[in-house]
């Protein structure tokens, strides 16, 4: 995939998915991902209704004119997006998989980060960790896409490659290590997963209530089915002949996980980009 093809994919993504990334969504990013603090911007003449506590009393004494100090937020926030690449993320509805939704949400963050002078760093976790360096805007999306193409996640047109065989996923301990490794004062973590086979319950509890970790559960209709009248074709089934059919239970039976308010649900049959923005406000 050369640079020209990458640019075509980026342009298509922006045109079809993110034309509504307006001031509303940019405000979401600013309000939810906090900068490191405030820095002085300039003096302004005091006007009725301004905060008295921001009056510069020393300047008032020198000039006999009341001025207030104004400030702006120090940004340079690094948003680390952890994408779950486990097999159940390839399930979906109407041609949209949970993994595709996760990739689109990541691209949205790249675009918004450009407007807020922040950076997006991506960890794609499956059988290995694909570490994509911090960038923003179109440049970030281009590197994101080309890296996933090189690693066999996307094809040359930027579409997800549906695998016939999945290699063994990383152990929960190693996944947890990656999450903890990228927690820091200037970092915000966004986890995009269906939590079917991502972290065990104990590991989730270790990170669930960290203020700078934002957990989003991507849900397809299959995940919420009360019963599973689905036959999925399996290349090889333990104890069965090759090519046999069997019923797979793809739901995680953890009531606490599904009802915990720290984990925000995004249903991919809905407008999940808009729901993501609403959940972040």
Protein backbone atom coordinates (compact mmCIF):
# COMPACT_ATOMS: atom_id res chain seq x y z
CA UNK A 1 0.00 0.00 0.00
CA UNK A 2 1.80 3.15 -1.18
CA UNK A 3 1.31 6.69 0.09
CA UNK A 4 -1.12 7.60 -2.70
CA UNK A 5 -3.38 4.68 -1.81
CA UNK A 6 -3.19 5.57 1.89
CA UNK A 7 -4.25 9.14 1.12
CA UNK A 8 -7.21 7.86 -0.89
CA UNK A 9 -8.32 5.72 2.05
CA UNK A 10 -7.89 8.64 4.47
CA UNK A 11 -9.92 10.95 2.21
CA UNK A 12 -12.66 8.34 1.93
CA UNK A 13 -12.78 7.91 5.71
CA UNK A 14 -13.02 11.66 6.30
CA UNK A 15 -15.66 12.15 3.60
CA UNK A 16 -17.95 9.32 4.62
CA UNK A 17 -17.53 9.01 8.38
CA UNK A 18 -16.33 12.18 10.00
CA UNK A 19 -18.01 15.07 8.20
CA UNK A 20 -19.92 15.72 11.44
CA UNK A 21 -16.83 16.03 13.65
CA UNK A 22 -17.72 19.64 14.52
CA UNK A 23 -17.18 21.99 17.44
CA UNK A 24 -19.55 19.85 19.53
CA UNK A 25 -17.28 16.81 19.30
CA UNK A 26 -14.10 18.87 19.61
CA UNK A 27 -15.52 20.34 22.82
CA UNK A 28 -16.05 16.76 24.03
CA UNK A 29 -12.37 16.03 23.65
CA UNK A 30 -11.33 19.22 25.44
CA UNK A 31 -13.71 18.75 28.35
CA UNK A 32 -13.12 15.05 28.94
CA UNK A 33 -9.39 14.70 28.34
CA UNK A 34 -7.87 17.23 30.70
CA UNK A 35 -4.62 19.02 30.05
CA UNK A 36 -1.87 19.30 32.62
CA UNK A 37 -3.03 22.67 33.96
CA UNK A 38 -3.56 26.32 33.10
CA UNK A 39 -1.06 28.84 31.80
CA UNK A 40 -1.36 32.63 31.72
CA UNK A 41 -2.60 33.98 28.37
CA UNK A 42 -3.09 37.76 28.66
CA UNK A 43 -4.58 40.67 30.60
CA UNK A 44 -8.01 42.04 29.76
CA UNK A 45 -9.73 45.13 31.11
CA UNK A 46 -12.18 44.17 33.83
CA UNK A 47 -15.84 44.21 32.76
CA UNK A 48 -18.95 43.85 34.88
CA UNK A 49 -19.56 40.16 35.50
CA UNK A 50 -15.92 39.08 35.28
CA UNK A 51 -14.53 36.97 38.12
CA UNK A 52 -13.18 39.28 40.81
CA UNK A 53 -10.70 36.64 41.91
CA UNK A 54 -8.82 37.03 38.60
CA UNK A 55 -8.16 40.76 39.07
CA UNK A 56 -4.45 41.56 38.95
CA UNK A 57 -4.19 43.74 42.08
CA UNK A 58 -0.56 44.69 41.46
CA UNK A 59 -1.40 45.99 38.00
CA UNK A 60 -4.41 47.84 39.42
CA UNK A 61 -2.15 49.60 41.93
CA UNK A 62 0.21 50.73 39.14
CA UNK A 63 -2.35 51.79 36.53
CA UNK A 64 -5.52 52.57 38.53
CA UNK A 65 -7.33 50.44 35.93
CA UNK A 66 -8.64 47.00 36.86
CA UNK A 67 -7.36 44.17 34.68
CA UNK A 68 -8.12 40.49 34.97
CA UNK A 69 -5.80 37.62 34.13
CA UNK A 70 -6.97 35.16 31.47
CA UNK A 71 -5.69 31.62 31.13
CA UNK A 72 -5.65 28.80 28.60
CA UNK A 73 -5.39 25.09 29.18
CA UNK A 74 -2.06 23.40 28.63
CA UNK A 75 -2.81 20.53 26.27
CA UNK A 76 -0.28 18.07 24.83
CA UNK A 77 -2.41 15.19 26.14
CA UNK A 78 -1.52 11.75 24.82
CA UNK A 79 -4.58 9.59 24.23
CA UNK A 80 -3.63 5.92 24.13
CA UNK A 81 -6.27 3.85 22.35
CA UNK A 82 -6.20 0.13 23.19
CA UNK A 83 -7.97 -1.90 20.48
CA UNK A 84 -8.98 -5.48 21.22
CA UNK A 85 -8.16 -7.64 18.19
CA UNK A 86 -9.55 -10.91 19.55
CA UNK A 87 -11.68 -13.18 17.28
CA UNK A 88 -15.08 -12.11 18.63
CA UNK A 89 -14.35 -8.52 17.57
CA UNK A 90 -14.75 -9.69 13.96
CA UNK A 91 -18.44 -10.42 14.59
CA UNK A 92 -20.98 -7.77 13.70
CA UNK A 93 -24.17 -6.91 11.90
CA UNK A 94 -25.12 -5.68 8.41
CA UNK A 95 -21.53 -5.80 7.18
CA UNK A 96 -20.11 -3.82 10.11
CA UNK A 97 -17.96 -5.66 12.64
CA UNK A 98 -17.10 -4.56 16.14
CA UNK A 99 -13.48 -4.27 15.02
CA UNK A 100 -14.44 -1.95 12.17
CA UNK A 101 -16.33 0.25 14.63
CA UNK A 102 -13.24 0.36 16.87
CA UNK A 103 -11.04 1.44 13.95
CA UNK A 104 -13.50 4.16 12.94
CA UNK A 105 -13.67 5.49 16.50
CA UNK A 106 -9.88 5.60 16.58
CA UNK A 107 -9.82 7.61 13.34
CA UNK A 108 -12.34 10.01 14.86
CA UNK A 109 -9.99 10.57 17.80
CA UNK A 110 -7.11 11.25 15.40
CA UNK A 111 -9.15 13.98 13.70
CA UNK A 112 -10.32 15.58 16.93
CA UNK A 113 -6.84 15.42 18.46
CA UNK A 114 -5.56 17.53 15.58
CA UNK A 115 -7.95 20.30 16.63
CA UNK A 116 -6.91 20.19 20.29
CA UNK A 117 -3.14 19.85 19.78
CA UNK A 118 -3.16 16.40 21.35
CA UNK A 119 -1.65 13.11 20.18
CA UNK A 120 -3.16 9.65 19.67
CA UNK A 121 -1.11 6.53 20.37
CA UNK A 122 -2.60 3.15 19.41
CA UNK A 123 -2.04 -0.34 20.80
CA UNK A 124 -3.65 -3.10 18.73
CA UNK A 125 -3.63 -6.21 20.93
CA UNK A 126 -4.24 -9.67 19.48
CA UNK A 127 -1.67 -12.47 19.20
CA UNK A 128 0.92 -9.70 19.53
CA UNK A 129 0.98 -6.01 20.33
CA UNK A 130 1.06 -3.67 17.35
CA UNK A 131 2.43 -0.39 18.70
CA UNK A 132 1.55 2.64 16.55
CA UNK A 133 3.42 5.84 17.51
CA UNK A 134 1.74 9.06 18.65
CA UNK A 135 0.37 11.25 15.87
CA UNK A 136 -2.74 13.25 15.07
CA UNK A 137 -4.89 14.27 12.11
CA UNK A 138 -4.56 12.83 8.62
CA UNK A 139 -0.93 11.92 9.20
CA UNK A 140 -1.94 9.81 12.18
CA UNK A 141 -4.70 8.04 10.24
CA UNK A 142 -2.33 7.32 7.35
CA UNK A 143 0.27 5.74 9.65
CA UNK A 144 -2.48 3.87 11.52
CA UNK A 145 -3.91 2.37 8.32
CA UNK A 146 -0.56 1.53 6.71
CA UNK A 147 0.65 -0.19 9.91
CA UNK A 148 -2.48 -2.36 10.06
CA UNK A 149 -2.04 -3.22 6.35
CA UNK A 150 1.57 -4.31 6.95
CA UNK A 151 0.43 -6.51 9.83
CA UNK A 152 -2.34 -8.21 7.85
CA UNK A 153 -5.28 -6.61 9.67
CA UNK A 154 -6.46 -4.53 6.68
CA UNK A 155 -6.19 -5.08 2.94
CA UNK A 156 -4.83 -2.53 0.44
CA UNK A 157 -8.24 -0.81 0.30
CA UNK A 158 -8.37 -0.35 4.06
CA UNK A 159 -10.92 -3.12 4.61
CA UNK A 160 -10.65 -5.66 7.41
CA UNK A 161 -9.28 -9.05 6.38
CA UNK A 162 -11.55 -11.81 7.69
CA UNK A 163 -9.26 -14.55 8.93
CA UNK A 164 -9.86 -18.24 8.49
CA UNK A 165 -7.57 -19.14 11.37
CA UNK A 166 -6.77 -17.05 14.42
CA UNK A 167 -3.43 -17.47 16.18
CA UNK A 168 -3.41 -17.87 19.94
CA UNK A 169 -4.13 -14.54 21.64
CA UNK A 170 -1.84 -12.95 24.21
CA UNK A 171 -2.31 -14.03 27.82
CA UNK A 172 -4.37 -11.72 30.04
CA UNK A 173 -1.29 -11.00 32.14
CA UNK A 174 0.58 -9.64 29.11
CA UNK A 175 -2.44 -7.63 27.98
CA UNK A 176 -2.75 -6.15 31.44
CA UNK A 177 0.95 -5.30 31.41
CA UNK A 178 0.51 -3.30 28.22
CA UNK A 179 -2.43 -1.36 29.68
CA UNK A 180 -0.56 -0.53 32.90
CA UNK A 181 2.59 0.36 30.99
CA UNK A 182 0.84 3.17 29.18
CA UNK A 183 -0.86 4.77 32.15
CA UNK A 184 0.66 8.07 33.17
CA UNK A 185 0.01 11.61 34.31
CA UNK A 186 -0.18 13.02 30.80
CA UNK A 187 -2.01 10.07 29.29
CA UNK A 188 -5.63 9.13 28.85
CA UNK A 189 -6.51 5.53 27.95
CA UNK A 190 -9.47 4.58 25.78
CA UNK A 191 -10.16 0.83 25.62
CA UNK A 192 -12.32 -0.40 22.72
CA UNK A 193 -13.34 -4.04 23.22
CA UNK A 194 -16.31 -6.37 23.48
CA UNK A 195 -14.71 -7.75 26.70
CA UNK A 196 -15.56 -11.31 25.67
CA UNK A 197 -11.94 -12.40 25.63
CA UNK A 198 -9.87 -9.36 26.50
CA UNK A 199 -9.14 -9.18 30.24
CA UNK A 200 -10.22 -11.41 33.09
CA UNK A 201 -12.47 -10.07 35.82
CA UNK A 202 -9.64 -9.44 38.29
CA UNK A 203 -7.59 -7.49 35.74
CA UNK A 204 -10.60 -5.40 34.75
CA UNK A 205 -11.22 -4.45 38.37
CA UNK A 206 -7.64 -3.22 38.66
CA UNK A 207 -8.19 -0.61 35.94
CA UNK A 208 -11.94 -0.07 35.96
CA UNK A 209 -12.03 2.79 38.44
CA UNK A 210 -8.94 4.65 37.26
CA UNK A 211 -10.13 8.15 36.31
CA UNK A 212 -7.99 8.33 33.18
CA UNK A 213 -9.19 5.02 31.74
CA UNK A 214 -12.29 5.09 29.57
CA UNK A 215 -13.80 1.68 28.81
CA UNK A 216 -16.11 1.18 25.84
CA UNK A 217 -17.86 -2.11 25.21
CA UNK A 218 -18.73 -2.70 21.55
CA UNK A 219 -21.88 -4.79 21.26
CA UNK A 220 -23.44 -6.64 18.34
CA UNK A 221 -26.95 -8.19 18.39
CA UNK A 222 -25.35 -11.60 18.93
CA UNK A 223 -23.81 -10.41 22.21
CA UNK A 224 -27.23 -9.46 23.60
CA UNK A 225 -29.19 -12.47 22.36
CA UNK A 226 -31.11 -14.20 25.15
CA UNK A 227 -30.59 -17.48 23.39
CA UNK A 228 -28.16 -18.37 20.65
CA UNK A 229 -29.96 -19.99 17.73
CA UNK A 230 -26.89 -19.43 15.60
CA UNK A 231 -24.91 -22.08 13.73
CA UNK A 232 -21.39 -20.91 12.99
CA UNK A 233 -19.17 -22.77 10.56
CA UNK A 234 -15.97 -24.03 12.10
CA UNK A 235 -12.94 -25.21 10.16
CA UNK A 236 -12.03 -27.57 12.98
CA UNK A 237 -14.03 -28.39 16.08
CA UNK A 238 -12.61 -30.25 19.09
CA UNK A 239 -14.12 -33.73 19.23
CA UNK A 240 -15.89 -33.27 15.91
CA UNK A 241 -14.96 -33.97 12.33
CA UNK A 242 -13.44 -31.24 10.20
CA UNK A 243 -16.08 -28.92 8.77
CA UNK A 244 -18.69 -29.83 11.39
CA UNK A 245 -21.23 -27.33 12.66
CA UNK A 246 -21.61 -26.46 16.30
CA UNK A 247 -23.10 -23.71 18.46
CA UNK A 248 -20.61 -21.33 20.03
CA UNK A 249 -21.38 -19.35 23.15
CA UNK A 250 -19.89 -15.95 22.39
CA UNK A 251 -21.42 -14.16 25.38
CA UNK A 252 -19.56 -13.41 28.56
CA UNK A 253 -21.86 -14.29 31.45
CA UNK A 254 -20.81 -11.52 33.81
CA UNK A 255 -23.74 -9.46 35.03
CA UNK A 256 -21.46 -7.10 36.95
CA UNK A 257 -19.51 -6.34 33.79
CA UNK A 258 -22.54 -5.58 31.65
CA UNK A 259 -24.18 -3.31 34.25
CA UNK A 260 -21.10 -1.47 35.52
CA UNK A 261 -21.44 2.25 34.82
CA UNK A 262 -17.72 2.64 34.22
CA UNK A 263 -18.05 0.56 31.05
CA UNK A 264 -19.96 2.43 28.36
CA UNK A 265 -21.93 0.34 25.89
CA UNK A 266 -21.78 1.12 22.15
CA UNK A 267 -24.16 -0.90 19.98
CA UNK A 268 -22.77 -1.14 16.48
CA UNK A 269 -26.20 -1.39 14.87
CA UNK A 270 -26.79 2.18 16.11
CA UNK A 271 -24.96 5.42 15.27
CA UNK A 272 -21.96 4.47 17.37
CA UNK A 273 -19.83 7.50 16.46
CA UNK A 274 -22.48 9.83 17.83
CA UNK A 275 -23.08 7.57 20.84
CA UNK A 276 -19.35 7.62 21.56
CA UNK A 277 -19.36 11.42 21.65
CA UNK A 278 -22.44 11.50 23.88
CA UNK A 279 -20.91 9.02 26.32
CA UNK A 280 -17.75 11.11 26.58
CA UNK A 281 -19.63 14.27 27.55
